[in-house]
Amino acid sequence: MNKRLSTAIVAMLALALLMPGCGKYGKEKFARKVIDATYAGSFDPLRPKMTDMMKETMSDYSVSQVGKDLEQRYGKVKSLKLTATEKLNEGTEDEFEHETWDVKAERGSFDMKLIIDKKGRLAGVWFVPK
């Protein structure tokens, strides 16, 4: 393999790992942005990576209420760990990936469930007590 081709392949792999939905690092970085935005009470920083339906249905008021509740109940987030992924409607126009994240916080842990469409946009999020 020539040097130029191998450099291009390394650059593409690095880019893929940094994109949300591509590689563990990208997924973890995106999941961290979702939990941080929830705790901050606004999904505004996520809007470019949300589906139109999510943009329409997620108000800052509802996000802030959920963020306040999570922080009061569990405290600050210490770590995130991807525990499960599942493809939904694979091979169709409505293909999604369902991710389950174990969120460890100061006073316990909970699951964060994300639905990511095939374009890497956030299509759903919910939090489940353990």
N, C-alpha and C. Protein backbone atom coordinates (compact mmCIF):
# COMPACT_ATOMS: atom_id res chain seq x y z
N MET A 1 0.86 -1.17 0.00
CA MET A 1 0.00 0.00 0.00
C MET A 1 0.90 1.23 0.00
N ASN A 2 0.59 2.19 -0.84
CA ASN A 2 1.45 3.37 -0.88
C ASN A 2 1.16 4.29 0.30
N LYS A 3 2.11 5.17 0.57
CA LYS A 3 2.03 6.03 1.76
C LYS A 3 0.83 6.97 1.71
N ARG A 4 0.52 7.54 0.55
CA ARG A 4 -0.59 8.48 0.42
C ARG A 4 -1.92 7.78 0.73
N LEU A 5 -2.10 6.55 0.22
CA LEU A 5 -3.33 5.80 0.45
C LEU A 5 -3.47 5.43 1.93
N SER A 6 -2.37 4.98 2.54
CA SER A 6 -2.46 4.60 3.95
C SER A 6 -2.73 5.82 4.83
N THR A 7 -2.20 6.98 4.49
CA THR A 7 -2.48 8.21 5.23
C THR A 7 -3.96 8.58 5.10
N ALA A 8 -4.52 8.43 3.92
CA ALA A 8 -5.94 8.74 3.70
C ALA A 8 -6.83 7.80 4.49
N ILE A 9 -6.47 6.52 4.55
CA ILE A 9 -7.27 5.55 5.30
C ILE A 9 -7.23 5.88 6.79
N VAL A 10 -6.06 6.19 7.32
CA VAL A 10 -5.94 6.55 8.73
C VAL A 10 -6.77 7.80 9.04
N ALA A 11 -6.73 8.79 8.15
CA ALA A 11 -7.50 10.02 8.36
C ALA A 11 -9.00 9.74 8.36
N MET A 12 -9.47 8.87 7.45
CA MET A 12 -10.90 8.54 7.41
C MET A 12 -11.33 7.78 8.65
N LEU A 13 -10.50 6.86 9.13
CA LEU A 13 -10.83 6.13 10.36
C LEU A 13 -10.90 7.06 11.56
N ALA A 14 -9.96 7.99 11.65
CA ALA A 14 -9.97 8.95 12.75
C ALA A 14 -11.23 9.80 12.70
N LEU A 15 -11.62 10.26 11.52
CA LEU A 15 -12.83 11.06 11.38
C LEU A 15 -14.06 10.25 11.77
N ALA A 16 -14.14 9.00 11.36
CA ALA A 16 -15.29 8.15 11.68
C ALA A 16 -15.41 7.95 13.19
N LEU A 17 -14.31 7.81 13.88
CA LEU A 17 -14.36 7.61 15.32
C LEU A 17 -14.81 8.86 16.07
N LEU A 18 -14.63 10.02 15.48
CA LEU A 18 -15.01 11.27 16.14
C LEU A 18 -16.44 11.69 15.85
N MET A 19 -17.08 11.10 14.88
CA MET A 19 -18.46 11.49 14.52
C MET A 19 -19.45 10.77 15.42
N PRO A 20 -20.54 11.46 15.84
CA PRO A 20 -21.56 10.79 16.64
C PRO A 20 -22.11 9.60 15.86
N GLY A 21 -22.30 8.50 16.59
CA GLY A 21 -22.86 7.32 15.97
C GLY A 21 -21.82 6.46 15.28
N CYS A 22 -20.56 6.88 15.23
CA CYS A 22 -19.51 6.11 14.55
C CYS A 22 -18.41 5.81 15.55
N GLY A 23 -18.33 4.58 15.97
CA GLY A 23 -17.29 4.21 16.91
C GLY A 23 -17.67 4.58 18.33
N LYS A 24 -17.06 3.89 19.29
CA LYS A 24 -17.42 4.10 20.69
C LYS A 24 -17.14 5.52 21.15
N TYR A 25 -16.01 6.11 20.75
CA TYR A 25 -15.68 7.46 21.21
C TYR A 25 -16.73 8.46 20.75
N GLY A 26 -17.14 8.39 19.49
CA GLY A 26 -18.15 9.31 18.98
C GLY A 26 -19.48 9.15 19.68
N LYS A 27 -19.87 7.91 19.93
CA LYS A 27 -21.12 7.66 20.64
C LYS A 27 -21.06 8.20 22.06
N GLU A 28 -19.96 7.95 22.73
CA GLU A 28 -19.84 8.42 24.12
C GLU A 28 -19.83 9.94 24.19
N LYS A 29 -19.15 10.57 23.26
CA LYS A 29 -19.11 12.04 23.22
C LYS A 29 -20.52 12.60 23.00
N PHE A 30 -21.28 12.00 22.08
CA PHE A 30 -22.63 12.47 21.81
C PHE A 30 -23.54 12.22 23.01
N ALA A 31 -23.44 11.03 23.62
CA ALA A 31 -24.26 10.73 24.80
C ALA A 31 -23.95 11.71 25.93
N ARG A 32 -22.69 12.05 26.07
CA ARG A 32 -22.31 13.02 27.11
C ARG A 32 -22.93 14.39 26.83
N LYS A 33 -22.99 14.77 25.55
CA LYS A 33 -23.63 16.04 25.19
C LYS A 33 -25.12 16.01 25.54
N VAL A 34 -25.77 14.87 25.34
CA VAL A 34 -27.20 14.74 25.65
C VAL A 34 -27.42 14.89 27.15
N ILE A 35 -26.64 14.18 27.96
CA ILE A 35 -26.85 14.27 29.41
C ILE A 35 -26.48 15.66 29.92
N ASP A 36 -25.42 16.26 29.39
CA ASP A 36 -25.04 17.62 29.81
C ASP A 36 -26.13 18.62 29.45
N ALA A 37 -26.70 18.51 28.25
CA ALA A 37 -27.77 19.42 27.83
C ALA A 37 -29.01 19.23 28.70
N THR A 38 -29.30 18.00 29.08
CA THR A 38 -30.45 17.72 29.94
C THR A 38 -30.25 18.38 31.30
N TYR A 39 -29.10 18.18 31.89
CA TYR A 39 -28.81 18.78 33.20
C TYR A 39 -28.80 20.31 33.11
N ALA A 40 -28.35 20.85 31.96
CA ALA A 40 -28.32 22.31 31.77
C ALA A 40 -29.71 22.88 31.50
N GLY A 41 -30.66 22.01 31.13
CA GLY A 41 -32.04 22.45 30.93
C GLY A 41 -32.37 22.96 29.55
N SER A 42 -31.53 22.68 28.55
CA SER A 42 -31.82 23.14 27.19
C SER A 42 -31.14 22.24 26.17
N PHE A 43 -31.91 21.83 25.17
CA PHE A 43 -31.35 21.02 24.08
C PHE A 43 -30.86 21.89 22.92
N ASP A 44 -30.81 23.21 23.12
CA ASP A 44 -30.34 24.09 22.04
C ASP A 44 -29.01 23.65 21.43
N PRO A 45 -28.00 23.25 22.23
CA PRO A 45 -26.74 22.83 21.61
C PRO A 45 -26.87 21.57 20.75
N LEU A 46 -27.93 20.78 20.99
CA LEU A 46 -28.13 19.54 20.25
C LEU A 46 -28.99 19.70 19.00
N ARG A 47 -29.67 20.83 18.86
CA ARG A 47 -30.65 21.00 17.78
C ARG A 47 -30.12 20.64 16.39
N PRO A 48 -28.87 20.97 16.04
CA PRO A 48 -28.39 20.58 14.71
C PRO A 48 -28.31 19.06 14.52
N LYS A 49 -28.25 18.29 15.61
CA LYS A 49 -28.16 16.84 15.54
C LYS A 49 -29.44 16.17 16.04
N MET A 50 -30.59 16.84 15.89
CA MET A 50 -31.88 16.28 16.28
C MET A 50 -32.77 16.16 15.06
N THR A 51 -33.67 15.17 15.09
CA THR A 51 -34.67 15.06 14.02
C THR A 51 -35.66 16.21 14.14
N ASP A 52 -36.38 16.50 13.06
CA ASP A 52 -37.38 17.57 13.10
C ASP A 52 -38.44 17.30 14.17
N MET A 53 -38.85 16.04 14.31
CA MET A 53 -39.86 15.69 15.32
C MET A 53 -39.35 15.98 16.72
N MET A 54 -38.08 15.66 16.99
CA MET A 54 -37.51 15.96 18.31
C MET A 54 -37.45 17.47 18.54
N LYS A 55 -37.07 18.22 17.53
CA LYS A 55 -37.00 19.68 17.67
C LYS A 55 -38.37 20.26 18.03
N GLU A 56 -39.42 19.70 17.44
CA GLU A 56 -40.77 20.21 17.67
C GLU A 56 -41.32 19.82 19.04
N THR A 57 -40.93 18.65 19.54
CA THR A 57 -41.56 18.14 20.76
C THR A 57 -40.78 18.41 22.04
N MET A 58 -39.49 18.73 21.94
CA MET A 58 -38.68 18.92 23.15
C MET A 58 -38.55 20.41 23.49
N SER A 59 -39.35 20.84 24.43
CA SER A 59 -39.28 22.24 24.86
C SER A 59 -38.21 22.38 25.94
N ASP A 60 -37.65 23.57 26.06
CA ASP A 60 -36.68 23.82 27.11
C ASP A 60 -37.30 23.63 28.49
N TYR A 61 -38.58 23.94 28.62
CA TYR A 61 -39.24 23.76 29.91
C TYR A 61 -39.22 22.29 30.33
N SER A 62 -39.63 21.39 29.43
CA SER A 62 -39.66 19.96 29.79
C SER A 62 -38.25 19.42 30.03
N VAL A 63 -37.29 19.85 29.23
CA VAL A 63 -35.90 19.41 29.42
C VAL A 63 -35.37 19.91 30.76
N SER A 64 -35.68 21.16 31.11
CA SER A 64 -35.19 21.70 32.38
C SER A 64 -35.81 20.97 33.57
N GLN A 65 -37.08 20.59 33.46
CA GLN A 65 -37.73 19.86 34.55
C GLN A 65 -37.09 18.49 34.75
N VAL A 66 -36.82 17.79 33.66
CA VAL A 66 -36.17 16.49 33.74
C VAL A 66 -34.76 16.65 34.30
N GLY A 67 -34.02 17.64 33.82
CA GLY A 67 -32.66 17.88 34.30
C GLY A 67 -32.62 18.17 35.79
N LYS A 68 -33.55 19.01 36.26
CA LYS A 68 -33.61 19.34 37.70
C LYS A 68 -33.90 18.08 38.52
N ASP A 69 -34.86 17.28 38.05
CA ASP A 69 -35.24 16.07 38.76
C ASP A 69 -34.06 15.09 38.84
N LEU A 70 -33.37 14.90 37.73
CA LEU A 70 -32.23 13.98 37.73
C LEU A 70 -31.13 14.47 38.68
N GLU A 71 -30.85 15.76 38.64
CA GLU A 71 -29.79 16.28 39.50
C GLU A 71 -30.17 16.19 40.97
N GLN A 72 -31.43 16.49 41.31
CA GLN A 72 -31.87 16.39 42.71
C GLN A 72 -31.83 14.95 43.20
N ARG A 73 -32.26 14.04 42.34
CA ARG A 73 -32.37 12.64 42.74
C ARG A 73 -31.00 11.94 42.76
N TYR A 74 -30.17 12.18 41.75
CA TYR A 74 -28.94 11.42 41.58
C TYR A 74 -27.65 12.21 41.79
N GLY A 75 -27.71 13.53 41.73
CA GLY A 75 -26.50 14.33 41.83
C GLY A 75 -25.80 14.43 40.48
N LYS A 76 -24.60 14.94 40.49
CA LYS A 76 -23.85 15.16 39.26
C LYS A 76 -23.42 13.83 38.64
N VAL A 77 -23.35 13.82 37.31
CA VAL A 77 -22.95 12.63 36.57
C VAL A 77 -21.45 12.43 36.70
N LYS A 78 -21.08 11.19 36.99
CA LYS A 78 -19.65 10.85 37.11
C LYS A 78 -19.15 10.11 35.87
N SER A 79 -19.97 9.21 35.31
CA SER A 79 -19.52 8.45 34.14
C SER A 79 -20.71 7.91 33.35
N LEU A 80 -20.40 7.59 32.09
CA LEU A 80 -21.36 6.96 31.18
C LEU A 80 -20.73 5.71 30.61
N LYS A 81 -21.55 4.67 30.44
CA LYS A 81 -21.05 3.45 29.81
C LYS A 81 -22.13 2.88 28.91
N LEU A 82 -21.79 2.66 27.66
CA LEU A 82 -22.71 2.04 26.71
C LEU A 82 -22.87 0.58 27.08
N THR A 83 -24.11 0.15 27.37
CA THR A 83 -24.34 -1.23 27.80
C THR A 83 -25.07 -2.06 26.76
N ALA A 84 -25.76 -1.42 25.81
CA ALA A 84 -26.47 -2.19 24.79
C ALA A 84 -26.78 -1.31 23.58
N THR A 85 -26.75 -1.93 22.41
CA THR A 85 -27.21 -1.28 21.18
C THR A 85 -28.06 -2.28 20.42
N GLU A 86 -29.05 -1.76 19.74
CA GLU A 86 -29.94 -2.61 18.95
C GLU A 86 -30.39 -1.83 17.73
N LYS A 87 -30.31 -2.47 16.58
CA LYS A 87 -30.81 -1.87 15.33
C LYS A 87 -32.31 -2.11 15.26
N LEU A 88 -33.04 -1.07 14.89
CA LEU A 88 -34.49 -1.16 14.72
C LEU A 88 -34.82 -0.86 13.26
N ASN A 89 -35.69 -1.63 12.67
CA ASN A 89 -36.12 -1.44 11.27
C ASN A 89 -34.93 -1.45 10.31
N GLU A 90 -33.97 -2.32 10.56
CA GLU A 90 -32.75 -2.35 9.76
C GLU A 90 -33.05 -2.56 8.28
N GLY A 91 -32.38 -1.76 7.45
CA GLY A 91 -32.53 -1.87 6.01
C GLY A 91 -33.73 -1.13 5.44
N THR A 92 -34.43 -0.38 6.29
CA THR A 92 -35.59 0.38 5.82
C THR A 92 -35.30 1.87 5.90
N GLU A 93 -36.22 2.66 5.38
CA GLU A 93 -36.11 4.11 5.45
C GLU A 93 -36.16 4.60 6.90
N ASP A 94 -36.86 3.83 7.76
CA ASP A 94 -37.03 4.20 9.17
C ASP A 94 -36.06 3.44 10.07
N GLU A 95 -34.81 3.29 9.64
CA GLU A 95 -33.81 2.57 10.43
C GLU A 95 -33.32 3.46 11.58
N PHE A 96 -33.25 2.85 12.76
CA PHE A 96 -32.78 3.54 13.95
C PHE A 96 -31.84 2.64 14.74
N GLU A 97 -31.07 3.26 15.63
CA GLU A 97 -30.28 2.49 16.58
C GLU A 97 -30.73 2.89 17.98
N HIS A 98 -31.01 1.88 18.79
CA HIS A 98 -31.42 2.09 20.18
C HIS A 98 -30.20 1.83 21.05
N GLU A 99 -29.76 2.85 21.79
CA GLU A 99 -28.59 2.73 22.67
C GLU A 99 -29.05 2.84 24.13
N THR A 100 -28.50 1.98 24.97
CA THR A 100 -28.74 2.06 26.41
C THR A 100 -27.42 2.41 27.09
N TRP A 101 -27.46 3.48 27.88
CA TRP A 101 -26.28 3.98 28.59
C TRP A 101 -26.50 3.85 30.09
N ASP A 102 -25.52 3.28 30.78
CA ASP A 102 -25.52 3.25 32.24
C ASP A 102 -24.89 4.56 32.70
N VAL A 103 -25.67 5.37 33.42
CA VAL A 103 -25.20 6.66 33.89
C VAL A 103 -24.95 6.55 35.39
N LYS A 104 -23.69 6.70 35.79
CA LYS A 104 -23.33 6.67 37.20
C LYS A 104 -23.23 8.11 37.69
N ALA A 105 -23.89 8.37 38.81
CA ALA A 105 -23.91 9.72 39.38
C ALA A 105 -23.50 9.64 40.86
N GLU A 106 -23.48 10.79 41.51
CA GLU A 106 -23.04 10.86 42.91
C GLU A 106 -23.87 9.99 43.85
N ARG A 107 -25.20 9.93 43.60
CA ARG A 107 -26.09 9.22 44.53
C ARG A 107 -26.83 8.07 43.86
N GLY A 108 -26.20 7.40 42.95
CA GLY A 108 -26.84 6.25 42.31
C GLY A 108 -26.64 6.26 40.81
N SER A 109 -27.38 5.40 40.15
CA SER A 109 -27.25 5.31 38.70
C SER A 109 -28.62 5.13 38.06
N PHE A 110 -28.68 5.45 36.78
CA PHE A 110 -29.90 5.29 36.00
C PHE A 110 -29.51 4.99 34.56
N ASP A 111 -30.47 4.53 33.78
CA ASP A 111 -30.22 4.28 32.36
C ASP A 111 -30.70 5.47 31.54
N MET A 112 -29.93 5.80 30.52
CA MET A 112 -30.35 6.78 29.52
C MET A 112 -30.51 6.00 28.22
N LYS A 113 -31.67 6.11 27.62
CA LYS A 113 -31.96 5.43 26.36
C LYS A 113 -32.00 6.46 25.25
N LEU A 114 -31.24 6.22 24.19
CA LEU A 114 -31.21 7.11 23.04
C LEU A 114 -31.67 6.36 21.80
N ILE A 115 -32.43 7.05 20.96
CA ILE A 115 -32.79 6.56 19.65
C ILE A 115 -32.10 7.48 18.65
N ILE A 116 -31.25 6.88 17.80
CA ILE A 116 -30.47 7.62 16.82
C ILE A 116 -30.91 7.16 15.43
N ASP A 117 -31.27 8.11 14.55
CA ASP A 117 -31.68 7.72 13.20
C ASP A 117 -30.45 7.39 12.35
N LYS A 118 -30.69 6.91 11.13
CA LYS A 118 -29.57 6.47 10.30
C LYS A 118 -28.69 7.61 9.81
N LYS A 119 -29.13 8.84 10.02
CA LYS A 119 -28.30 10.01 9.69
C LYS A 119 -27.51 10.50 10.91
N GLY A 120 -27.60 9.76 12.03
CA GLY A 120 -26.87 10.13 13.24
C GLY A 120 -27.55 11.19 14.07
N ARG A 121 -28.86 11.44 13.82
CA ARG A 121 -29.59 12.48 14.57
C ARG A 121 -30.36 11.86 15.72
N LEU A 122 -30.47 12.62 16.79
CA LEU A 122 -31.23 12.19 17.97
C LEU A 122 -32.72 12.20 17.65
N ALA A 123 -33.34 11.03 17.81
CA ALA A 123 -34.78 10.90 17.52
C ALA A 123 -35.60 10.62 18.77
N GLY A 124 -34.92 10.28 19.87
CA GLY A 124 -35.64 10.01 21.12
C GLY A 124 -34.68 9.88 22.28
N VAL A 125 -35.14 10.25 23.46
CA VAL A 125 -34.32 10.11 24.67
C VAL A 125 -35.27 9.92 25.85
N TRP A 126 -34.91 9.02 26.74
CA TRP A 126 -35.63 8.89 27.99
C TRP A 126 -34.71 8.31 29.04
N PHE A 127 -35.11 8.49 30.30
CA PHE A 127 -34.29 8.11 31.45
C PHE A 127 -35.07 7.13 32.29
N VAL A 128 -34.40 6.07 32.72
CA VAL A 128 -35.05 4.98 33.44
C VAL A 128 -34.33 4.75 34.76
N PRO A 129 -35.04 4.86 35.89
CA PRO A 129 -34.40 4.56 37.18
C PRO A 129 -34.04 3.08 37.26
N LYS A 130 -33.04 2.77 38.06
CA LYS A 130 -32.67 1.36 38.27
C LYS A 130 -33.20 0.87 39.60
